[in-house]
Structures are given as structure tokens and as C-alpha cells.
Amino acid sequence: MPSSHSPTPGTVAASEIAYVRLQQMIVRLELLPGALMTEGALIERLDMGRTPVREALQRLALEGFAEIRPRSGIAISPLHISDWLQVLDAAFGLKIVLARSAARFPPLENDLFRKAALNMQRATVSGNVVSYLEAESNLDLAIAQASANGFAARAAAPLQAHARRFWYRFRSEQGLASVAEKHLALINAIMSGDVTGAGQRAEECHLTVRRMAEQTASAR
């Protein structure tokens, strides 16, 4: 998801920077679900040119984060809790493929994985959902890079971002400890080169979050 990371100006295209920043704002609910924005307001908010912002919005629309309405503006996609389960199920197979691939070629330098694990533990203790989901995003990036499977990584990234958006909206700090336990087990499996275990741990991560999503949906 790669997509929640702030790129360095000068090394990344302006449209990519705009995309990352806008997606962050949508995922973290800084742009509220269902809100209607103007292109001009978003350009002013990002302090960027029209072309990169427009290109970013087109990409976000294709990925289901927003809807471009001619002569009306940009509608931020609403959040329907029933869609959370669909997002999780769509990402399920990709999650396992990426985890197994990453374990098959474990990186010599595991700093990204270690940092993600440490930040997840700290965020869980403090109950800081923003920090936890940022650490999860960093973990997704580390797995994507280690997997060397760009096709699966590109398909998974927007789904991962959608899933985090639902967590921000419906779960917040609830359940972080349970999810952290599964994520840490996944990290250990990947770093140790346990291909089968990585696939199993990825499945356990999915099932844990899916059960929480089901519980949240049934309570509403």
C-alpha cells in the first residue's frame, strides 16, 4: 500500500505525490466519506498544480476511492460496512501469494520488517490506531518489495488501502492487540523463510480481521 508512504519530491512524479497524499487523506477520513469536493479546493489543499492533481483523482476514481462528477465536483466514496467484507475477500488470495513469495526470497536486510514489528508493538501498547495502520502500511510495502511480484503487489495495494479506511471508520483502536499478534507471527515467518508458515499466518491475519468486520457489521 504502499500507497500511504510519502514520496520524496524530485524522485517521484508529481502525480504520484498527489495520489499518495490524496489517498492518505481519504483513508484517514480527513476527506469524509460522501463529501463533495471541488478540484480547485483539492489543488489548493495540496498546493500542487492542476495536472498532477487531476491525474491522481482519475487514478483514485478507477480504484473506487472517489467519483468524478462532471460539473459537480469530486465525490469521496461512501463507506458501507457490508463492502468491508468484499474488500477483505478480494484481497485474501493476494495476501497469501505475497506472503509466500516474500518468505521464498527473504531479504538480507530486514530493517523494514523489524521496524514495522516494533512500531506495531508500540502502537498497540499506546492504542494509537493511526500509528498502527501506518506500521501496517509499511509492512505491506516491505512484503510487496520482498515478494518481487509486482503484479500481485499492484493489485493488492488499493485493496489494502480500502481495508485500512474501513478500520479507521468502524474499528478504531478496538482489536489492535489481536491483529498485532497475527501480524507479528507473519513477520517472523517471512523473516525465517518459512513459505508454508507465511501463507498460514497471512490466512490467520485475514480471518482475524474478517471476523471483526463481521461482528461490527452484525452489531449495526
C-alpha atoms as a PDB file:
ATOM      1  CA  MET A   1       0.000   0.000   0.000  1.00  0.00           C
ATOM      2  CA  PRO A   2       2.486   1.043  -0.422  1.00  0.00           C
ATOM      3  CA  SER A   3       0.389   3.999  -1.164  1.00  0.00           C
ATOM      4  CA  SER A   4       0.440   5.572   2.271  1.00  0.00           C
ATOM      5  CA  HIS A   5       4.128   6.425   2.151  1.00  0.00           C
ATOM      6  CA  SER A   6       5.202   9.969   1.499  1.00  0.00           C
ATOM      7  CA  PRO A   7       7.380  10.052  -1.604  1.00  0.00           C
ATOM      8  CA  THR A   8      10.382  12.324  -1.876  1.00  0.00           C
ATOM      9  CA  PRO A   9       9.809  15.302  -4.190  1.00  0.00           C
ATOM     10  CA  GLY A  10      12.214  15.274  -7.099  1.00  0.00           C
ATOM     11  CA  THR A  11      12.415  11.477  -7.223  1.00  0.00           C
ATOM     12  CA  VAL A  12       8.749  10.698  -7.806  1.00  0.00           C
ATOM     13  CA  ALA A  13       6.354  12.126 -10.378  1.00  0.00           C
ATOM     14  CA  ALA A  14       4.151  14.933  -9.105  1.00  0.00           C
ATOM     15  CA  SER A  15       1.038  12.928  -9.954  1.00  0.00           C
ATOM     16  CA  GLU A  16       2.275  10.082  -7.720  1.00  0.00           C
ATOM     17  CA  ILE A  17       2.869  12.504  -4.857  1.00  0.00           C
ATOM     18  CA  ALA A  18      -0.630  13.911  -5.322  1.00  0.00           C
ATOM     19  CA  TYR A  19      -2.070  10.394  -5.459  1.00  0.00           C
ATOM     20  CA  VAL A  20      -0.359   9.304  -2.245  1.00  0.00           C
ATOM     21  CA  ARG A  21      -1.390  12.410  -0.350  1.00  0.00           C
ATOM     22  CA  LEU A  22      -4.996  12.320  -1.516  1.00  0.00           C
ATOM     23  CA  GLN A  23      -5.320   8.621  -0.793  1.00  0.00           C
ATOM     24  CA  GLN A  24      -3.920   9.202   2.696  1.00  0.00           C
ATOM     25  CA  MET A  25      -6.494  11.914   3.300  1.00  0.00           C
ATOM     26  CA  ILE A  26      -9.293   9.636   2.129  1.00  0.00           C
ATOM     27  CA  VAL A  27      -8.117   6.583   4.082  1.00  0.00           C
ATOM     28  CA  ARG A  28      -7.629   8.568   7.294  1.00  0.00           C
ATOM     29  CA  LEU A  29     -11.044  10.189   6.867  1.00  0.00           C
ATOM     30  CA  GLU A  30      -9.569  13.677   6.546  1.00  0.00           C
ATOM     31  CA  LEU A  31     -11.784  13.785   3.461  1.00  0.00           C
ATOM     32  CA  LEU A  32     -15.041  12.451   4.841  1.00  0.00           C
ATOM     33  CA  PRO A  33     -16.955   9.627   3.143  1.00  0.00           C
ATOM     34  CA  GLY A  34     -19.633  11.045   0.877  1.00  0.00           C
ATOM     35  CA  ALA A  35     -18.146  14.550   0.901  1.00  0.00           C
ATOM     36  CA  LEU A  36     -18.352  16.559  -2.304  1.00  0.00           C
ATOM     37  CA  MET A  37     -15.175  18.480  -3.094  1.00  0.00           C
ATOM     38  CA  THR A  38     -14.145  20.706  -5.945  1.00  0.00           C
ATOM     39  CA  GLU A  39     -10.994  20.083  -7.907  1.00  0.00           C
ATOM     40  CA  GLY A  40      -9.900  23.631  -7.112  1.00  0.00           C
ATOM     41  CA  ALA A  41     -10.258  23.066  -3.371  1.00  0.00           C
ATOM     42  CA  LEU A  42      -8.111  19.936  -3.530  1.00  0.00           C
ATOM     43  CA  ILE A  43      -5.487  21.729  -5.631  1.00  0.00           C
ATOM     44  CA  GLU A  44      -5.344  24.479  -3.029  1.00  0.00           C
ATOM     45  CA  ARG A  45      -5.212  21.999  -0.166  1.00  0.00           C
ATOM     46  CA  LEU A  46      -2.318  20.078  -1.714  1.00  0.00           C
ATOM     47  CA  ASP A  47      -0.620  23.217  -3.009  1.00  0.00           C
ATOM     48  CA  MET A  48       0.097  21.468  -6.299  1.00  0.00           C
ATOM     49  CA  GLY A  49      -0.613  22.012  -9.969  1.00  0.00           C
ATOM     50  CA  ARG A  50      -3.859  21.121 -11.701  1.00  0.00           C
ATOM     51  CA  THR A  51      -2.427  18.382 -13.932  1.00  0.00           C
ATOM     52  CA  PRO A  52      -0.924  16.112 -11.235  1.00  0.00           C
ATOM     53  CA  VAL A  53      -3.987  16.503  -9.013  1.00  0.00           C
ATOM     54  CA  ARG A  54      -6.299  15.696 -11.909  1.00  0.00           C
ATOM     55  CA  GLU A  55      -4.237  12.624 -12.833  1.00  0.00           C
ATOM     56  CA  ALA A  56      -4.260  11.487  -9.211  1.00  0.00           C
ATOM     57  CA  LEU A  57      -8.019  11.898  -8.984  1.00  0.00           C
ATOM     58  CA  GLN A  58      -8.541   9.850 -12.125  1.00  0.00           C
ATOM     59  CA  ARG A  59      -6.479   7.044 -10.627  1.00  0.00           C
ATOM     60  CA  LEU A  60      -8.329   7.228  -7.314  1.00  0.00           C
ATOM     61  CA  ALA A  61     -11.636   7.109  -9.174  1.00  0.00           C
ATOM     62  CA  LEU A  62     -10.558   3.956 -11.020  1.00  0.00           C
ATOM     63  CA  GLU A  63      -9.672   2.370  -7.677  1.00  0.00           C
ATOM     64  CA  GLY A  64     -13.012   3.253  -6.100  1.00  0.00           C
ATOM     65  CA  PHE A  65     -11.900   5.950  -3.647  1.00  0.00           C
ATOM     66  CA  ALA A  66     -13.741   8.796  -5.351  1.00  0.00           C
ATOM     67  CA  GLU A  67     -16.167   9.585  -8.129  1.00  0.00           C
ATOM     68  CA  ILE A  68     -15.545  12.355 -10.636  1.00  0.00           C
ATOM     69  CA  ARG A  69     -18.819  14.122 -11.395  1.00  0.00           C
ATOM     70  CA  PRO A  70     -18.608  16.485 -14.340  1.00  0.00           C
ATOM     71  CA  ARG A  71     -19.782  19.993 -13.443  1.00  0.00           C
ATOM     72  CA  SER A  72     -20.464  18.855  -9.863  1.00  0.00           C
ATOM     73  CA  GLY A  73     -17.102  18.042  -8.324  1.00  0.00           C
ATOM     74  CA  ILE A  74     -15.343  15.104  -6.718  1.00  0.00           C
ATOM     75  CA  ALA A  75     -17.428  12.829  -4.501  1.00  0.00           C
ATOM     76  CA  ILE A  76     -15.461  10.907  -1.896  1.00  0.00           C
ATOM     77  CA  SER A  77     -16.711   7.341  -1.918  1.00  0.00           C
ATOM     78  CA  PRO A  78     -19.092   6.498   0.939  1.00  0.00           C
ATOM     79  CA  LEU A  79     -18.339   3.684   3.370  1.00  0.00           C
ATOM     80  CA  HIS A  80     -20.858   0.859   3.595  1.00  0.00           C
ATOM     81  CA  ILE A  81     -19.821  -1.671   6.189  1.00  0.00           C
ATOM     82  CA  SER A  82     -21.035  -4.576   4.050  1.00  0.00           C
ATOM     83  CA  ASP A  83     -18.411  -3.609   1.473  1.00  0.00           C
ATOM     84  CA  TRP A  84     -15.656  -4.175   4.038  1.00  0.00           C
ATOM     85  CA  LEU A  85     -16.123  -7.942   3.789  1.00  0.00           C
ATOM     86  CA  GLN A  86     -15.960  -7.771  -0.004  1.00  0.00           C
ATOM     87  CA  VAL A  87     -12.718  -5.797   0.136  1.00  0.00           C
ATOM     88  CA  LEU A  88     -11.166  -8.287   2.561  1.00  0.00           C
ATOM     89  CA  ASP A  89     -12.236 -11.267   0.461  1.00  0.00           C
ATOM     90  CA  ALA A  90     -10.900  -9.693  -2.727  1.00  0.00           C
ATOM     91  CA  ALA A  91      -7.505  -9.158  -1.087  1.00  0.00           C
ATOM     92  CA  PHE A  92      -7.348 -12.587   0.560  1.00  0.00           C
ATOM     93  CA  GLY A  93      -5.677 -14.589  -2.186  1.00  0.00           C
ATOM     94  CA  LEU A  94      -3.254 -11.788  -2.987  1.00  0.00           C
ATOM     95  CA  LYS A  95      -2.255 -11.561   0.675  1.00  0.00           C
ATOM     96  CA  ILE A  96      -1.255 -15.207   0.718  1.00  0.00           C
ATOM     97  CA  VAL A  97       0.595 -15.027  -2.609  1.00  0.00           C
ATOM     98  CA  LEU A  98       2.627 -12.018  -1.461  1.00  0.00           C
ATOM     99  CA  ALA A  99       3.425 -13.505   1.949  1.00  0.00           C
ATOM    100  CA  ARG A 100       4.588 -16.817   0.481  1.00  0.00           C
ATOM    101  CA  SER A 101       6.636 -15.074  -2.198  1.00  0.00           C
ATOM    102  CA  ALA A 102       8.269 -12.785   0.361  1.00  0.00           C
ATOM    103  CA  ALA A 103       9.229 -15.788   2.517  1.00  0.00           C
ATOM    104  CA  ARG A 104      10.621 -17.573  -0.511  1.00  0.00           C
ATOM    105  CA  PHE A 105      13.068 -14.738  -1.077  1.00  0.00           C
ATOM    106  CA  PRO A 106      13.602 -13.267   2.402  1.00  0.00           C
ATOM    107  CA  PRO A 107      15.646 -10.060   2.160  1.00  0.00           C
ATOM    108  CA  LEU A 108      19.164  -9.996   3.537  1.00  0.00           C
ATOM    109  CA  GLU A 109      18.314  -6.706   5.228  1.00  0.00           C
ATOM    110  CA  ASN A 110      15.183  -6.999   7.327  1.00  0.00           C
ATOM    111  CA  ASP A 111      15.099  -3.456   8.670  1.00  0.00           C
ATOM    112  CA  LEU A 112      11.680  -2.712   7.144  1.00  0.00           C
ATOM    113  CA  PHE A 113      10.167  -5.792   8.775  1.00  0.00           C
ATOM    114  CA  ARG A 114      11.814  -5.158  12.127  1.00  0.00           C
ATOM    115  CA  LYS A 115      10.733  -1.525  12.114  1.00  0.00           C
ATOM    116  CA  ALA A 116       7.157  -2.473  11.230  1.00  0.00           C
ATOM    117  CA  ALA A 117       7.086  -5.024  14.052  1.00  0.00           C
ATOM    118  CA  LEU A 118       8.462  -2.559  16.583  1.00  0.00           C
ATOM    119  CA  ASN A 119       6.052   0.189  15.545  1.00  0.00           C
ATOM    120  CA  MET A 120       3.098  -2.203  15.688  1.00  0.00           C
ATOM    121  CA  GLN A 121       4.030  -3.206  19.228  1.00  0.00           C
ATOM    122  CA  ARG A 122       4.391   0.410  20.332  1.00  0.00           C
ATOM    123  CA  ALA A 123       1.122   1.444  18.704  1.00  0.00           C
ATOM    124  CA  THR A 124      -0.719  -1.474  20.281  1.00  0.00           C
ATOM    125  CA  VAL A 125       0.518  -0.582  23.759  1.00  0.00           C
ATOM    126  CA  SER A 126      -0.486   3.065  23.318  1.00  0.00           C
ATOM    127  CA  GLY A 127      -3.731   2.274  21.470  1.00  0.00           C
ATOM    128  CA  ASN A 128      -2.676   4.591  18.644  1.00  0.00           C
ATOM    129  CA  VAL A 129      -4.654   3.422  15.617  1.00  0.00           C
ATOM    130  CA  VAL A 130      -3.042   5.959  13.269  1.00  0.00           C
ATOM    131  CA  SER A 131       0.450   4.718  14.132  1.00  0.00           C
ATOM    132  CA  TYR A 132      -0.637   1.105  13.921  1.00  0.00           C
ATOM    133  CA  LEU A 133      -2.177   1.423  10.491  1.00  0.00           C
ATOM    134  CA  GLU A 134       0.873   3.335   9.283  1.00  0.00           C
ATOM    135  CA  ALA A 135       3.037   0.459  10.517  1.00  0.00           C
ATOM    136  CA  GLU A 136       0.733  -1.989   8.756  1.00  0.00           C
ATOM    137  CA  SER A 137       1.110   0.041   5.581  1.00  0.00           C
ATOM    138  CA  ASN A 138       4.887  -0.145   5.953  1.00  0.00           C
ATOM    139  CA  LEU A 139       4.618  -3.899   6.419  1.00  0.00           C
ATOM    140  CA  ASP A 140       2.569  -4.195   3.231  1.00  0.00           C
ATOM    141  CA  LEU A 141       5.296  -2.276   1.407  1.00  0.00           C
ATOM    142  CA  ALA A 142       8.049  -4.489   2.849  1.00  0.00           C
ATOM    143  CA  ILE A 143       6.177  -7.646   1.820  1.00  0.00           C
ATOM    144  CA  ALA A 144       5.492  -6.264  -1.658  1.00  0.00           C
ATOM    145  CA  GLN A 145       9.154  -5.430  -2.170  1.00  0.00           C
ATOM    146  CA  ALA A 146      10.392  -8.761  -0.811  1.00  0.00           C
ATOM    147  CA  SER A 147       7.890 -10.726  -2.900  1.00  0.00           C
ATOM    148  CA  ALA A 148       9.324  -9.473  -6.201  1.00  0.00           C
ATOM    149  CA  ASN A 149       5.810  -9.959  -7.616  1.00  0.00           C
ATOM    150  CA  GLY A 150       4.828  -6.584  -8.991  1.00  0.00           C
ATOM    151  CA  PHE A 151       1.586  -7.876 -10.478  1.00  0.00           C
ATOM    152  CA  ALA A 152       0.232  -9.095  -7.149  1.00  0.00           C
ATOM    153  CA  ALA A 153       1.584  -6.043  -5.302  1.00  0.00           C
ATOM    154  CA  ARG A 154      -0.085  -3.580  -7.673  1.00  0.00           C
ATOM    155  CA  ALA A 155      -3.401  -5.434  -7.453  1.00  0.00           C
ATOM    156  CA  ALA A 156      -3.244  -5.649  -3.659  1.00  0.00           C
ATOM    157  CA  ALA A 157      -2.227  -2.070  -2.831  1.00  0.00           C
ATOM    158  CA  PRO A 158      -5.586  -0.307  -3.364  1.00  0.00           C
ATOM    159  CA  LEU A 159      -7.457  -3.111  -1.604  1.00  0.00           C
ATOM    160  CA  GLN A 160      -5.130  -2.796   1.371  1.00  0.00           C
ATOM    161  CA  ALA A 161      -5.804   0.940   1.482  1.00  0.00           C
ATOM    162  CA  HIS A 162      -9.570   0.375   1.305  1.00  0.00           C
ATOM    163  CA  ALA A 163      -9.331  -2.123   4.186  1.00  0.00           C
ATOM    164  CA  ARG A 164      -7.463   0.399   6.329  1.00  0.00           C
ATOM    165  CA  ARG A 165     -10.082   3.034   5.577  1.00  0.00           C
ATOM    166  CA  PHE A 166     -12.787   0.723   6.915  1.00  0.00           C
ATOM    167  CA  TRP A 167     -10.733   0.073  10.045  1.00  0.00           C
ATOM    168  CA  TYR A 168     -10.369   3.797  10.675  1.00  0.00           C
ATOM    169  CA  ARG A 169     -14.128   4.211  10.366  1.00  0.00           C
ATOM    170  CA  PHE A 170     -15.548   1.185  12.113  1.00  0.00           C
ATOM    171  CA  ARG A 171     -12.990  -0.363  14.460  1.00  0.00           C
ATOM    172  CA  SER A 172     -10.546   2.356  15.530  1.00  0.00           C
ATOM    173  CA  GLU A 173      -8.357   1.086  18.390  1.00  0.00           C
ATOM    174  CA  GLN A 174     -10.591  -1.925  19.054  1.00  0.00           C
ATOM    175  CA  GLY A 175      -8.933  -5.244  18.339  1.00  0.00           C
ATOM    176  CA  LEU A 176      -5.428  -3.907  17.670  1.00  0.00           C
ATOM    177  CA  ALA A 177      -3.821  -6.416  20.045  1.00  0.00           C
ATOM    178  CA  SER A 178      -5.384  -9.412  18.309  1.00  0.00           C
ATOM    179  CA  VAL A 179      -4.383  -8.169  14.876  1.00  0.00           C
ATOM    180  CA  ALA A 180      -0.878  -7.263  16.056  1.00  0.00           C
ATOM    181  CA  GLU A 181      -0.314 -10.804  17.326  1.00  0.00           C
ATOM    182  CA  LYS A 182      -1.133 -12.200  13.871  1.00  0.00           C
ATOM    183  CA  HIS A 183       0.960  -9.606  12.059  1.00  0.00           C
ATOM    184  CA  LEU A 184       3.987 -10.288  14.243  1.00  0.00           C
ATOM    185  CA  ALA A 185       3.669 -14.026  13.572  1.00  0.00           C
ATOM    186  CA  LEU A 186       3.516 -13.276   9.850  1.00  0.00           C
ATOM    187  CA  ILE A 187       6.648 -11.139  10.057  1.00  0.00           C
ATOM    188  CA  ASN A 188       8.520 -13.910  11.884  1.00  0.00           C
ATOM    189  CA  ALA A 189       7.516 -16.491   9.273  1.00  0.00           C
ATOM    190  CA  ILE A 190       8.661 -14.298   6.393  1.00  0.00           C
ATOM    191  CA  MET A 191      11.953 -13.348   8.023  1.00  0.00           C
ATOM    192  CA  SER A 192      12.726 -17.003   8.756  1.00  0.00           C
ATOM    193  CA  GLY A 193      11.991 -18.058   5.175  1.00  0.00           C
ATOM    194  CA  ASP A 194       9.058 -20.282   6.175  1.00  0.00           C
ATOM    195  CA  VAL A 195       6.998 -20.276   2.979  1.00  0.00           C
ATOM    196  CA  THR A 196       4.222 -22.554   4.220  1.00  0.00           C
ATOM    197  CA  GLY A 197       4.063 -20.806   7.574  1.00  0.00           C
ATOM    198  CA  ALA A 198       3.924 -17.380   5.927  1.00  0.00           C
ATOM    199  CA  GLY A 199       0.906 -18.447   3.899  1.00  0.00           C
ATOM    200  CA  GLN A 200      -0.784 -19.810   7.002  1.00  0.00           C
ATOM    201  CA  ARG A 201      -0.028 -16.705   9.052  1.00  0.00           C
ATOM    202  CA  ALA A 202      -1.366 -14.496   6.252  1.00  0.00           C
ATOM    203  CA  GLU A 203      -4.584 -16.519   6.245  1.00  0.00           C
ATOM    204  CA  GLU A 204      -4.855 -16.135  10.018  1.00  0.00           C
ATOM    205  CA  CYS A 205      -4.446 -12.353   9.672  1.00  0.00           C
ATOM    206  CA  HIS A 206      -7.249 -12.315   7.134  1.00  0.00           C
ATOM    207  CA  LEU A 207      -9.591 -14.465   9.213  1.00  0.00           C
ATOM    208  CA  THR A 208      -8.982 -12.401  12.352  1.00  0.00           C
ATOM    209  CA  VAL A 209      -9.851  -9.127  10.645  1.00  0.00           C
ATOM    210  CA  ARG A 210     -12.760 -10.678   8.768  1.00  0.00           C
ATOM    211  CA  ARG A 211     -14.322 -11.974  11.999  1.00  0.00           C
ATOM    212  CA  MET A 212     -14.029  -8.493  13.478  1.00  0.00           C
ATOM    213  CA  ALA A 213     -15.634  -6.987  10.391  1.00  0.00           C
ATOM    214  CA  GLU A 214     -18.483  -9.495  10.614  1.00  0.00           C
ATOM    215  CA  GLN A 215     -19.013  -8.693  14.298  1.00  0.00           C
ATOM    216  CA  THR A 216     -19.015  -4.981  13.601  1.00  0.00           C
ATOM    217  CA  ALA A 217     -21.478  -5.381  10.733  1.00  0.00           C
ATOM    218  CA  SER A 218     -23.853  -7.556  12.753  1.00  0.00           C
ATOM    219  CA  ALA A 219     -23.873  -5.023  15.602  1.00  0.00           C
ATOM    220  CA  ARG A 220     -25.178  -2.264  13.329  1.00  0.00           C
END
